[in-house]
PDB file of N, CA and C in Angstrom:
ATOM      1  N   ASN A   1      61.572 135.188  83.066  1.00  0.00           N
ATOM      2  CA  ASN A   1      61.438 135.515  84.475  1.00  0.00           C
ATOM      3  C   ASN A   1      62.794 135.449  85.163  1.00  0.00           C
ATOM      4  N   PRO A   2      63.260 136.563  85.679  1.00  0.00           N
ATOM      5  CA  PRO A   2      64.544 136.548  86.398  1.00  0.00           C
ATOM      6  C   PRO A   2      64.484 135.657  87.630  1.00  0.00           C
ATOM      7  N   TYR A   3      65.621 135.088  87.955  1.00  0.00           N
ATOM      8  CA  TYR A   3      65.734 134.235  89.131  1.00  0.00           C
ATOM      9  C   TYR A   3      65.648 135.068  90.415  1.00  0.00           C
ATOM     10  N   PHE A   4      66.225 136.282  90.351  1.00  0.00           N
ATOM     11  CA  PHE A   4      66.130 137.171  91.498  1.00  0.00           C
ATOM     12  C   PHE A   4      66.152 138.619  91.023  1.00  0.00           C
ATOM     13  N   TYR A   5      65.640 139.503  91.863  1.00  0.00           N
ATOM     14  CA  TYR A   5      65.634 140.938  91.620  1.00  0.00           C
ATOM     15  C   TYR A   5      66.430 141.597  92.735  1.00  0.00           C
ATOM     16  N   VAL A   6      67.159 142.655  92.416  1.00  0.00           N
ATOM     17  CA  VAL A   6      67.856 143.448  93.427  1.00  0.00           C
ATOM     18  C   VAL A   6      67.275 144.853  93.374  1.00  0.00           C
ATOM     19  N   PHE A   7      66.831 145.341  94.524  1.00  0.00           N
ATOM     20  CA  PHE A   7      66.243 146.669  94.596  1.00  0.00           C
ATOM     21  C   PHE A   7      67.072 147.580  95.474  1.00  0.00           C
ATOM     22  N   ASN A   8      67.289 148.774  94.991  1.00  0.00           N
ATOM     23  CA  ASN A   8      67.880 149.854  95.764  1.00  0.00           C
ATOM     24  C   ASN A   8      66.963 151.039  95.558  1.00  0.00           C
ATOM     25  N   ALA A   9      66.212 151.377  96.569  1.00  0.00           N
ATOM     26  CA  ALA A   9      65.230 152.453  96.423  1.00  0.00           C
ATOM     27  C   ALA A   9      65.555 153.597  97.363  1.00  0.00           C
ATOM     28  N   ILE A  10      65.392 154.798  96.857  1.00  0.00           N
ATOM     29  CA  ILE A  10      65.505 155.996  97.680  1.00  0.00           C
ATOM     30  C   ILE A  10      64.175 156.714  97.569  1.00  0.00           C
ATOM     31  N   LEU A  11      63.522 156.877  98.689  1.00  0.00           N
ATOM     32  CA  LEU A  11      62.220 157.515  98.694  1.00  0.00           C
ATOM     33  C   LEU A  11      62.286 158.853  99.399  1.00  0.00           C
ATOM     34  N   SER A  12      61.966 159.920  98.692  1.00  0.00           N
ATOM     35  CA  SER A  12      61.834 161.228  99.318  1.00  0.00           C
ATOM     36  C   SER A  12      61.053 162.128  98.385  1.00  0.00           C
ATOM     37  N   ARG A  13      60.485 163.139  98.963  1.00  0.00           N
ATOM     38  CA  ARG A  13      59.844 164.190  98.180  1.00  0.00           C
ATOM     39  C   ARG A  13      60.818 165.353  98.217  1.00  0.00           C
ATOM     40  N   SER A  14      61.741 165.348  97.305  1.00  0.00           N
ATOM     41  CA  SER A  14      62.866 166.259  97.403  1.00  0.00           C
ATOM     42  C   SER A  14      62.937 167.199  96.210  1.00  0.00           C
ATOM     43  N   THR A  15      63.531 168.326  96.475  1.00  0.00           N
ATOM     44  CA  THR A  15      63.900 169.257  95.417  1.00  0.00           C
ATOM     45  C   THR A  15      65.386 169.493  95.557  1.00  0.00           C
ATOM     46  N   VAL A  16      65.927 170.300  94.721  1.00  0.00           N
ATOM     47  CA  VAL A  16      67.341 170.646  94.829  1.00  0.00           C
ATOM     48  C   VAL A  16      67.610 171.370  96.143  1.00  0.00           C
ATOM     49  N   PHE A  17      66.584 172.003  96.708  1.00  0.00           N
ATOM     50  CA  PHE A  17      66.776 172.872  97.865  1.00  0.00           C
ATOM     51  C   PHE A  17      66.436 172.254  99.199  1.00  0.00           C
ATOM     52  N   GLU A  18      65.628 171.211  99.218  1.00  0.00           N
ATOM     53  CA  GLU A  18      65.273 170.608 100.499  1.00  0.00           C
ATOM     54  C   GLU A  18      64.896 169.143 100.319  1.00  0.00           C
ATOM     55  N   PHE A  19      65.086 168.383 101.390  1.00  0.00           N
ATOM     56  CA  PHE A  19      64.731 166.969 101.405  1.00  0.00           C
ATOM     57  C   PHE A  19      63.589 166.782 102.386  1.00  0.00           C
ATOM     58  N   LYS A  20      62.497 166.211 101.918  1.00  0.00           N
ATOM     59  CA  LYS A  20      61.319 166.008 102.752  1.00  0.00           C
ATOM     60  C   LYS A  20      61.119 164.513 102.964  1.00  0.00           C
ATOM     61  N   SER A  21      60.952 164.121 104.205  1.00  0.00           N
ATOM     62  CA  SER A  21      60.780 162.707 104.544  1.00  0.00           C
ATOM     63  C   SER A  21      59.437 162.175 104.066  1.00  0.00           C
ATOM     64  N   VAL A  22      59.403 160.872 103.856  1.00  0.00           N
ATOM     65  CA  VAL A  22      58.173 160.156 103.548  1.00  0.00           C
ATOM     66  C   VAL A  22      57.824 159.342 104.790  1.00  0.00           C
ATOM     67  N   GLU A  23      56.560 159.335 105.164  1.00  0.00           N
ATOM     68  CA  GLU A  23      56.133 158.656 106.386  1.00  0.00           C
ATOM     69  C   GLU A  23      56.323 157.140 106.280  1.00  0.00           C
ATOM     70  N   PRO A  24      56.642 156.470 107.399  1.00  0.00           N
ATOM     71  CA  PRO A  24      56.883 155.024 107.382  1.00  0.00           C
ATOM     72  C   PRO A  24      55.716 154.215 106.804  1.00  0.00           C
ATOM     73  N   GLU A  25      54.491 154.601 107.107  1.00  0.00           N
ATOM     74  CA  GLU A  25      53.327 153.856 106.613  1.00  0.00           C
ATOM     75  C   GLU A  25      53.272 153.902 105.090  1.00  0.00           C
ATOM     76  N   GLU A  26      53.571 155.059 104.522  1.00  0.00           N
ATOM     77  CA  GLU A  26      53.552 155.211 103.071  1.00  0.00           C
ATOM     78  C   GLU A  26      54.677 154.404 102.420  1.00  0.00           C
ATOM     79  N   ILE A  27      55.828 154.380 103.064  1.00  0.00           N
ATOM     80  CA  ILE A  27      56.949 153.589 102.556  1.00  0.00           C
ATOM     81  C   ILE A  27      56.597 152.109 102.596  1.00  0.00           C
ATOM     82  N   GLU A  28      56.028 151.664 103.712  1.00  0.00           N
ATOM     83  CA  GLU A  28      55.682 150.246 103.837  1.00  0.00           C
ATOM     84  C   GLU A  28      54.671 149.836 102.768  1.00  0.00           C
ATOM     85  N   LYS A  29      53.679 150.677 102.513  1.00  0.00           N
ATOM     86  CA  LYS A  29      52.697 150.361 101.477  1.00  0.00           C
ATOM     87  C   LYS A  29      53.365 150.298 100.103  1.00  0.00           C
ATOM     88  N   ALA A  30      54.243 151.256  99.803  1.00  0.00           N
ATOM     89  CA  ALA A  30      54.909 151.278  98.494  1.00  0.00           C
ATOM     90  C   ALA A  30      55.786 150.046  98.290  1.00  0.00           C
ATOM     91  N   VAL A  31      56.566 149.674  99.300  1.00  0.00           N
ATOM     92  CA  VAL A  31      57.449 148.511  99.176  1.00  0.00           C
ATOM     93  C   VAL A  31      56.625 147.226  99.090  1.00  0.00           C
ATOM     94  N   THR A  32      55.587 147.124  99.905  1.00  0.00           N
ATOM     95  CA  THR A  32      54.713 145.947  99.852  1.00  0.00           C
ATOM     96  C   THR A  32      54.041 145.827  98.491  1.00  0.00           C
ATOM     97  N   ASP A  33      53.552 146.938  97.956  1.00  0.00           N
ATOM     98  CA  ASP A  33      52.937 146.930  96.623  1.00  0.00           C
ATOM     99  C   ASP A  33      53.937 146.493  95.561  1.00  0.00           C
ATOM    100  N   MET A  34      55.177 146.971  95.673  1.00  0.00           N
ATOM    101  CA  MET A  34      56.216 146.606  94.711  1.00  0.00           C
ATOM    102  C   MET A  34      56.505 145.104  94.781  1.00  0.00           C
ATOM    103  N   VAL A  35      56.637 144.566  95.996  1.00  0.00           N
ATOM    104  CA  VAL A  35      56.887 143.132  96.165  1.00  0.00           C
ATOM    105  C   VAL A  35      55.720 142.331  95.584  1.00  0.00           C
ATOM    106  N   ASN A  36      54.500 142.743  95.888  1.00  0.00           N
ATOM    107  CA  ASN A  36      53.329 142.039  95.368  1.00  0.00           C
ATOM    108  C   ASN A  36      53.272 142.098  93.843  1.00  0.00           C
ATOM    109  N   ASN A  37      53.645 143.223  93.266  1.00  0.00           N
ATOM    110  CA  ASN A  37      53.667 143.361  91.812  1.00  0.00           C
ATOM    111  C   ASN A  37      54.689 142.411  91.194  1.00  0.00           C
ATOM    112  N   VAL A  38      55.889 142.370  91.747  1.00  0.00           N
ATOM    113  CA  VAL A  38      56.915 141.457  91.240  1.00  0.00           C
ATOM    114  C   VAL A  38      56.434 140.025  91.373  1.00  0.00           C
ATOM    115  N   ARG A  39      55.898 139.675  92.542  1.00  0.00           N
ATOM    116  CA  ARG A  39      55.449 138.308  92.793  1.00  0.00           C
ATOM    117  C   ARG A  39      54.263 137.913  91.898  1.00  0.00           C
ATOM    118  N   SER A  40      53.458 138.882  91.484  1.00  0.00           N
ATOM    119  CA  SER A  40      52.328 138.549  90.612  1.00  0.00           C
ATOM    120  C   SER A  40      52.813 138.082  89.240  1.00  0.00           C
ATOM    121  N   HIS A  41      53.999 138.516  88.848  1.00  0.00           N
ATOM    122  CA  HIS A  41      54.569 138.121  87.557  1.00  0.00           C
ATOM    123  C   HIS A  41      55.560 136.970  87.679  1.00  0.00           C
ATOM    124  N   ASN A  42      56.168 136.840  88.848  1.00  0.00           N
ATOM    125  CA  ASN A  42      57.185 135.812  89.053  1.00  0.00           C
ATOM    126  C   ASN A  42      57.132 135.367  90.516  1.00  0.00           C
ATOM    127  N   PRO A  43      56.172 134.508  90.861  1.00  0.00           N
ATOM    128  CA  PRO A  43      55.936 134.164  92.267  1.00  0.00           C
ATOM    129  C   PRO A  43      57.080 133.443  92.966  1.00  0.00           C
ATOM    130  N   ASP A  44      57.973 132.821  92.222  1.00  0.00           N
ATOM    131  CA  ASP A  44      59.051 132.054  92.851  1.00  0.00           C
ATOM    132  C   ASP A  44      60.382 132.785  92.931  1.00  0.00           C
ATOM    133  N   CYS A  45      60.418 134.022  92.464  1.00  0.00           N
ATOM    134  CA  CYS A  45      61.698 134.739  92.449  1.00  0.00           C
ATOM    135  C   CYS A  45      62.135 135.119  93.863  1.00  0.00           C
ATOM    136  N   LYS A  46      63.411 135.359  93.991  1.00  0.00           N
ATOM    137  CA  LYS A  46      63.967 135.877  95.229  1.00  0.00           C
ATOM    138  C   LYS A  46      64.143 137.384  95.052  1.00  0.00           C
ATOM    139  N   ILE A  47      63.962 138.124  96.138  1.00  0.00           N
ATOM    140  CA  ILE A  47      64.081 139.573  96.107  1.00  0.00           C
ATOM    141  C   ILE A  47      65.161 139.973  97.094  1.00  0.00           C
ATOM    142  N   VAL A  48      66.061 140.846  96.670  1.00  0.00           N
ATOM    143  CA  VAL A  48      67.153 141.322  97.519  1.00  0.00           C
ATOM    144  C   VAL A  48      67.060 142.837  97.621  1.00  0.00           C
ATOM    145  N   PHE A  49      66.952 143.335  98.846  1.00  0.00           N
ATOM    146  CA  PHE A  49      66.995 144.772  99.088  1.00  0.00           C
ATOM    147  C   PHE A  49      68.418 145.144  99.471  1.00  0.00           C
ATOM    148  N   ILE A  50      68.912 146.248  98.932  1.00  0.00           N
ATOM    149  CA  ILE A  50      70.213 146.765  99.357  1.00  0.00           C
ATOM    150  C   ILE A  50      70.029 148.195  99.841  1.00  0.00           C
ATOM    151  N   GLY A  51      70.968 148.639 100.672  1.00  0.00           N
ATOM    152  CA  GLY A  51      70.869 149.965 101.269  1.00  0.00           C
ATOM    153  C   GLY A  51      71.315 151.067 100.331  1.00  0.00           C
ATOM    154  N   GLY A  52      71.470 152.239 100.905  1.00  0.00           N
ATOM    155  CA  GLY A  52      71.714 153.447 100.119  1.00  0.00           C
ATOM    156  C   GLY A  52      73.159 153.872 100.005  1.00  0.00           C
ATOM    157  N   PHE A  53      74.111 152.957 100.079  1.00  0.00           N
ATOM    158  CA  PHE A  53      75.528 153.259  99.884  1.00  0.00           C
ATOM    159  C   PHE A  53      76.046 154.288 100.882  1.00  0.00           C
ATOM    160  N   GLY A  54      75.520 154.250 102.109  1.00  0.00           N
ATOM    161  CA  GLY A  54      76.022 155.135 103.156  1.00  0.00           C
ATOM    162  C   GLY A  54      75.472 156.539 103.117  1.00  0.00           C
ATOM    163  N   VAL A  55      74.466 156.802 102.278  1.00  0.00           N
ATOM    164  CA  VAL A  55      73.902 158.142 102.159  1.00  0.00           C
ATOM    165  C   VAL A  55      72.642 158.222 103.001  1.00  0.00           C
ATOM    166  N   SER A  56      72.531 159.259 103.834  1.00  0.00           N
ATOM    167  CA  SER A  56      71.329 159.461 104.635  1.00  0.00           C
ATOM    168  C   SER A  56      71.031 160.948 104.719  1.00  0.00           C
ATOM    169  N   PHE A  57      70.065 161.386 103.922  1.00  0.00           N
ATOM    170  CA  PHE A  57      69.696 162.795 103.939  1.00  0.00           C
ATOM    171  C   PHE A  57      68.603 163.086 104.948  1.00  0.00           C
ATOM    172  N   ASN A  58      67.744 162.115 105.189  1.00  0.00           N
ATOM    173  CA  ASN A  58      66.606 162.343 106.075  1.00  0.00           C
ATOM    174  C   ASN A  58      66.086 161.010 106.585  1.00  0.00           C
ATOM    175  N   ASN A  59      65.034 161.071 107.376  1.00  0.00           N
ATOM    176  CA  ASN A  59      64.496 159.859 107.996  1.00  0.00           C
ATOM    177  C   ASN A  59      63.940 158.861 107.000  1.00  0.00           C
ATOM    178  N   SER A  60      63.637 159.271 105.775  1.00  0.00           N
ATOM    179  CA  SER A  60      63.096 158.332 104.788  1.00  0.00           C
ATOM    180  C   SER A  60      64.027 157.148 104.594  1.00  0.00           C
ATOM    181  N   PHE A  61      65.326 157.385 104.632  1.00  0.00           N
ATOM    182  CA  PHE A  61      66.288 156.304 104.437  1.00  0.00           C
ATOM    183  C   PHE A  61      66.198 155.300 105.569  1.00  0.00           C
ATOM    184  N   PHE A  62      66.097 155.787 106.795  1.00  0.00           N
ATOM    185  CA  PHE A  62      66.008 154.903 107.945  1.00  0.00           C
ATOM    186  C   PHE A  62      64.662 154.185 107.966  1.00  0.00           C
ATOM    187  N   ASN A  63      63.588 154.880 107.575  1.00  0.00           N
ATOM    188  CA  ASN A  63      62.272 154.266 107.501  1.00  0.00           C
ATOM    189  C   ASN A  63      62.252 153.167 106.446  1.00  0.00           C
ATOM    190  N   LEU A  64      62.857 153.411 105.287  1.00  0.00           N
ATOM    191  CA  LEU A  64      62.912 152.426 104.213  1.00  0.00           C
ATOM    192  C   LEU A  64      63.678 151.194 104.671  1.00  0.00           C
ATOM    193  N   GLU A  65      64.803 151.394 105.340  1.00  0.00           N
ATOM    194  CA  GLU A  65      65.601 150.275 105.837  1.00  0.00           C
ATOM    195  C   GLU A  65      64.777 149.421 106.806  1.00  0.00           C
ATOM    196  N   ALA A  66      64.059 150.049 107.716  1.00  0.00           N
ATOM    197  CA  ALA A  66      63.250 149.311 108.690  1.00  0.00           C
ATOM    198  C   ALA A  66      62.148 148.518 108.003  1.00  0.00           C
ATOM    199  N   VAL A  67      61.500 149.114 107.012  1.00  0.00           N
ATOM    200  CA  VAL A  67      60.429 148.426 106.275  1.00  0.00           C
ATOM    201  C   VAL A  67      60.996 147.233 105.525  1.00  0.00           C
ATOM    202  N   GLU A  68      62.117 147.427 104.837  1.00  0.00           N
ATOM    203  CA  GLU A  68      62.717 146.326 104.081  1.00  0.00           C
ATOM    204  C   GLU A  68      63.124 145.176 104.998  1.00  0.00           C
ATOM    205  N   LYS A  69      63.705 145.493 106.147  1.00  0.00           N
ATOM    206  CA  LYS A  69      64.088 144.445 107.103  1.00  0.00           C
ATOM    207  C   LYS A  69      62.854 143.693 107.599  1.00  0.00           C
ATOM    208  N   LYS A  70      61.787 144.423 107.895  1.00  0.00           N
ATOM    209  CA  LYS A  70      60.551 143.800 108.380  1.00  0.00           C
ATOM    210  C   LYS A  70      59.981 142.846 107.334  1.00  0.00           C
ATOM    211  N   ILE A  71      59.925 143.292 106.094  1.00  0.00           N
ATOM    212  CA  ILE A  71      59.393 142.453 105.023  1.00  0.00           C
ATOM    213  C   ILE A  71      60.289 141.233 104.807  1.00  0.00           C
ATOM    214  N   ALA A  72      61.605 141.436 104.833  1.00  0.00           N
ATOM    215  CA  ALA A  72      62.545 140.324 104.643  1.00  0.00           C
ATOM    216  C   ALA A  72      62.441 139.310 105.777  1.00  0.00           C
ATOM    217  N   ASP A  73      62.184 139.769 106.994  1.00  0.00           N
ATOM    218  CA  ASP A  73      62.064 138.865 108.138  1.00  0.00           C
ATOM    219  C   ASP A  73      60.855 137.939 108.026  1.00  0.00           C
ATOM    220  N   ASN A  74      59.873 138.329 107.218  1.00  0.00           N
ATOM    221  CA  ASN A  74      58.632 137.568 107.123  1.00  0.00           C
ATOM    222  C   ASN A  74      58.500 136.766 105.834  1.00  0.00           C
ATOM    223  N   ASP A  75      59.574 136.657 105.065  1.00  0.00           N
ATOM    224  CA  ASP A  75      59.508 135.936 103.792  1.00  0.00           C
ATOM    225  C   ASP A  75      60.871 135.316 103.526  1.00  0.00           C
ATOM    226  N   GLU A  76      60.926 133.997 103.415  1.00  0.00           N
ATOM    227  CA  GLU A  76      62.216 133.323 103.244  1.00  0.00           C
ATOM    228  C   GLU A  76      62.868 133.590 101.897  1.00  0.00           C
ATOM    229  N   ASN A  77      62.129 134.143 100.938  1.00  0.00           N
ATOM    230  CA  ASN A  77      62.704 134.453  99.631  1.00  0.00           C
ATOM    231  C   ASN A  77      62.980 135.940  99.436  1.00  0.00           C
ATOM    232  N   ILE A  78      62.947 136.686 100.535  1.00  0.00           N
ATOM    233  CA  ILE A  78      63.316 138.107 100.481  1.00  0.00           C
ATOM    234  C   ILE A  78      64.493 138.308 101.417  1.00  0.00           C
ATOM    235  N   TYR A  79      65.496 138.997 100.922  1.00  0.00           N
ATOM    236  CA  TYR A  79      66.749 139.198 101.659  1.00  0.00           C
ATOM    237  C   TYR A  79      67.003 140.696 101.833  1.00  0.00           C
ATOM    238  N   TYR A  80      67.554 141.049 102.985  1.00  0.00           N
ATOM    239  CA  TYR A  80      68.009 142.428 103.202  1.00  0.00           C
ATOM    240  C   TYR A  80      69.527 142.383 103.294  1.00  0.00           C
ATOM    241  N   ALA A  81      70.187 142.861 102.248  1.00  0.00           N
ATOM    242  CA  ALA A  81      71.645 142.773 102.189  1.00  0.00           C
ATOM    243  C   ALA A  81      72.330 143.894 102.956  1.00  0.00           C
ATOM    244  N   GLY A  82      71.604 144.916 103.343  1.00  0.00           N
ATOM    245  CA  GLY A  82      72.190 146.010 104.097  1.00  0.00           C
ATOM    246  C   GLY A  82      72.798 147.063 103.206  1.00  0.00           C
ATOM    247  N   ASP A  83      73.575 147.909 103.843  1.00  0.00           N
ATOM    248  CA  ASP A  83      74.173 149.061 103.179  1.00  0.00           C
ATOM    249  C   ASP A  83      75.582 148.713 102.738  1.00  0.00           C
ATOM    250  N   PHE A  84      75.870 148.884 101.471  1.00  0.00           N
ATOM    251  CA  PHE A  84      77.224 148.695 100.962  1.00  0.00           C
ATOM    252  C   PHE A  84      77.922 150.046 100.981  1.00  0.00           C
ATOM    253  N   GLU A  85      78.947 150.149 101.791  1.00  0.00           N
ATOM    254  CA  GLU A  85      79.620 151.427 101.983  1.00  0.00           C
ATOM    255  C   GLU A  85      80.284 151.928 100.712  1.00  0.00           C
ATOM    256  N   SER A  86      80.222 153.226 100.532  1.00  0.00           N
ATOM    257  CA  SER A  86      80.841 153.883  99.393  1.00  0.00           C
ATOM    258  C   SER A  86      81.160 155.309  99.788  1.00  0.00           C
ATOM    259  N   ALA A  87      82.255 155.836  99.278  1.00  0.00           N
ATOM    260  CA  ALA A  87      82.607 157.233  99.542  1.00  0.00           C
ATOM    261  C   ALA A  87      81.712 158.178  98.744  1.00  0.00           C
ATOM    262  N   ASN A  88      80.988 157.639  97.763  1.00  0.00           N
ATOM    263  CA  ASN A  88      80.090 158.431  96.925  1.00  0.00           C
ATOM    264  C   ASN A  88      80.793 159.644  96.328  1.00  0.00           C
ATOM    265  N   SER A  89      81.955 159.383  95.736  1.00  0.00           N
ATOM    266  CA  SER A  89      82.736 160.479  95.165  1.00  0.00           C
ATOM    267  C   SER A  89      82.408 160.735  93.699  1.00  0.00           C
ATOM    268  N   GLY A  90      81.381 160.041  93.187  1.00  0.00           N
ATOM    269  CA  GLY A  90      80.902 160.341  91.848  1.00  0.00           C
ATOM    270  C   GLY A  90      79.987 161.546  91.894  1.00  0.00           C
ATOM    271  N   GLY A  91      79.370 161.884  90.804  1.00  0.00           N
ATOM    272  CA  GLY A  91      78.497 163.051  90.751  1.00  0.00           C
ATOM    273  C   GLY A  91      77.203 162.838  91.507  1.00  0.00           C
ATOM    274  N   GLY A  92      76.691 163.904  92.100  1.00  0.00           N
ATOM    275  CA  GLY A  92      75.381 163.894  92.737  1.00  0.00           C
ATOM    276  C   GLY A  92      75.220 162.880  93.845  1.00  0.00           C
ATOM    277  N   TRP A  93      76.225 162.718  94.693  1.00  0.00           N
ATOM    278  CA  TRP A  93      76.186 161.793  95.831  1.00  0.00           C
ATOM    279  C   TRP A  93      76.061 160.335  95.403  1.00  0.00           C
ATOM    280  N   HIS A  94      76.596 159.988  94.260  1.00  0.00           N
ATOM    281  CA  HIS A  94      76.566 158.613  93.772  1.00  0.00           C
ATOM    282  C   HIS A  94      77.984 158.052  93.759  1.00  0.00           C
ATOM    283  N   PRO A  95      78.103 156.724  93.831  1.00  0.00           N
ATOM    284  CA  PRO A  95      79.431 156.111  93.722  1.00  0.00           C
ATOM    285  C   PRO A  95      80.040 156.345  92.343  1.00  0.00           C
ATOM    286  N   ASN A  96      81.360 156.473  92.310  1.00  0.00           N
ATOM    287  CA  ASN A  96      82.027 156.577  91.011  1.00  0.00           C
ATOM    288  C   ASN A  96      82.194 155.159  90.445  1.00  0.00           C
ATOM    289  N   VAL A  97      82.823 155.026  89.289  1.00  0.00           N
ATOM    290  CA  VAL A  97      82.933 153.728  88.621  1.00  0.00           C
ATOM    291  C   VAL A  97      83.665 152.718  89.500  1.00  0.00           C
ATOM    292  N   SER A  98      84.758 153.123  90.096  1.00  0.00           N
ATOM    293  CA  SER A  98      85.521 152.219  90.946  1.00  0.00           C
ATOM    294  C   SER A  98      84.697 151.765  92.150  1.00  0.00           C
ATOM    295  N   GLU A  99      83.983 152.712  92.762  1.00  0.00           N
ATOM    296  CA  GLU A  99      83.149 152.372  93.918  1.00  0.00           C
ATOM    297  C   GLU A  99      81.996 151.448  93.516  1.00  0.00           C
ATOM    298  N   GLN A 100      81.427 151.652  92.335  1.00  0.00           N
ATOM    299  CA  GLN A 100      80.367 150.772  91.846  1.00  0.00           C
ATOM    300  C   GLN A 100      80.874 149.334  91.707  1.00  0.00           C
ATOM    301  N   LYS A 101      82.101 149.196  91.218  1.00  0.00           N
ATOM    302  CA  LYS A 101      82.684 147.853  91.095  1.00  0.00           C
ATOM    303  C   LYS A 101      82.836 147.209  92.470  1.00  0.00           C
ATOM    304  N   GLY A 102      83.245 147.983  93.451  1.00  0.00           N
ATOM    305  CA  GLY A 102      83.385 147.462  94.814  1.00  0.00           C
ATOM    306  C   GLY A 102      82.047 147.022  95.386  1.00  0.00           C
ATOM    307  N   VAL A 103      81.013 147.828  95.161  1.00  0.00           N
ATOM    308  CA  VAL A 103      79.674 147.480  95.621  1.00  0.00           C
ATOM    309  C   VAL A 103      79.200 146.214  94.900  1.00  0.00           C
ATOM    310  N   GLY A 104      79.450 146.133  93.599  1.00  0.00           N
ATOM    311  CA  GLY A 104      79.058 144.948  92.832  1.00  0.00           C
ATOM    312  C   GLY A 104      79.737 143.688  93.338  1.00  0.00           C
ATOM    313  N   THR A 105      81.004 143.800  93.655  1.00  0.00           N
ATOM    314  CA  THR A 105      81.750 142.654  94.193  1.00  0.00           C
ATOM    315  C   THR A 105      81.185 142.234  95.550  1.00  0.00           C
ATOM    316  N   ALA A 106      80.905 143.208  96.410  1.00  0.00           N
ATOM    317  CA  ALA A 106      80.343 142.907  97.731  1.00  0.00           C
ATOM    318  C   ALA A 106      78.948 142.294  97.598  1.00  0.00           C
ATOM    319  N   LEU A 107      78.151 142.805  96.660  1.00  0.00           N
ATOM    320  CA  LEU A 107      76.818 142.250  96.450  1.00  0.00           C
ATOM    321  C   LEU A 107      76.904 140.817  95.928  1.00  0.00           C
ATOM    322  N   ALA A 108      77.793 140.556  94.986  1.00  0.00           N
ATOM    323  CA  ALA A 108      77.960 139.200  94.459  1.00  0.00           C
ATOM    324  C   ALA A 108      78.347 138.235  95.579  1.00  0.00           C
ATOM    325  N   LYS A 109      79.234 138.664  96.456  1.00  0.00           N
ATOM    326  CA  LYS A 109      79.634 137.830  97.593  1.00  0.00           C
ATOM    327  C   LYS A 109      78.434 137.565  98.500  1.00  0.00           C
ATOM    328  N   TYR A 110      77.649 138.601  98.790  1.00  0.00           N
ATOM    329  CA  TYR A 110      76.459 138.436  99.626  1.00  0.00           C
ATOM    330  C   TYR A 110      75.497 137.415  98.996  1.00  0.00           C
ATOM    331  N   LEU A 111      75.255 137.544  97.694  1.00  0.00           N
ATOM    332  CA  LEU A 111      74.325 136.655  97.005  1.00  0.00           C
ATOM    333  C   LEU A 111      74.787 135.195  97.098  1.00  0.00           C
ATOM    334  N   LYS A 112      76.081 134.966  96.932  1.00  0.00           N
ATOM    335  CA  LYS A 112      76.627 133.606  97.026  1.00  0.00           C
ATOM    336  C   LYS A 112      76.598 133.096  98.461  1.00  0.00           C
ATOM    337  N   ASP A 113      77.056 133.935  99.395  1.00  0.00           N
ATOM    338  CA  ASP A 113      77.154 133.514 100.793  1.00  0.00           C
ATOM    339  C   ASP A 113      75.780 133.198 101.401  1.00  0.00           C
ATOM    340  N   ASN A 114      74.729 133.812 100.892  1.00  0.00           N
ATOM    341  CA  ASN A 114      73.395 133.643 101.459  1.00  0.00           C
ATOM    342  C   ASN A 114      72.483 132.748 100.633  1.00  0.00           C
ATOM    343  N   GLY A 115      73.066 132.063  99.654  1.00  0.00           N
ATOM    344  CA  GLY A 115      72.306 131.097  98.885  1.00  0.00           C
ATOM    345  C   GLY A 115      71.290 131.677  97.920  1.00  0.00           C
ATOM    346  N   VAL A 116      71.454 132.954  97.567  1.00  0.00           N
ATOM    347  CA  VAL A 116      70.528 133.561  96.607  1.00  0.00           C
ATOM    348  C   VAL A 116      70.819 133.022  95.213  1.00  0.00           C
ATOM    349  N   VAL A 117      72.097 132.842  94.912  1.00  0.00           N
ATOM    350  CA  VAL A 117      72.510 132.266  93.625  1.00  0.00           C
ATOM    351  C   VAL A 117      73.368 131.037  93.865  1.00  0.00           C
TER     352      VAL A 117
END
């Protein structure tokens, strides 16, 4: 059983040609179900949500952030670490290797500073 889990989720009904938002209620149910599933296997673990590395294609990203913050506000073992900035100069709007290292360093600092580890 891991001591903590880190989640970075992007929710959309997207194709190469268009990005379609997911409704806030559906996002909240999906995130709540995911938390409950993790907790059913490891009830004492800590959960850390992280943002989308500065990428925002549609309202789904903002809806997901709001849901994660709401869930984190109501559980002392769930943390919302926020968005770790990245230029996303890797392929397909993803961080490159150097940017991933920067995000990893920032996440490690967050985990230590907030008592997760």
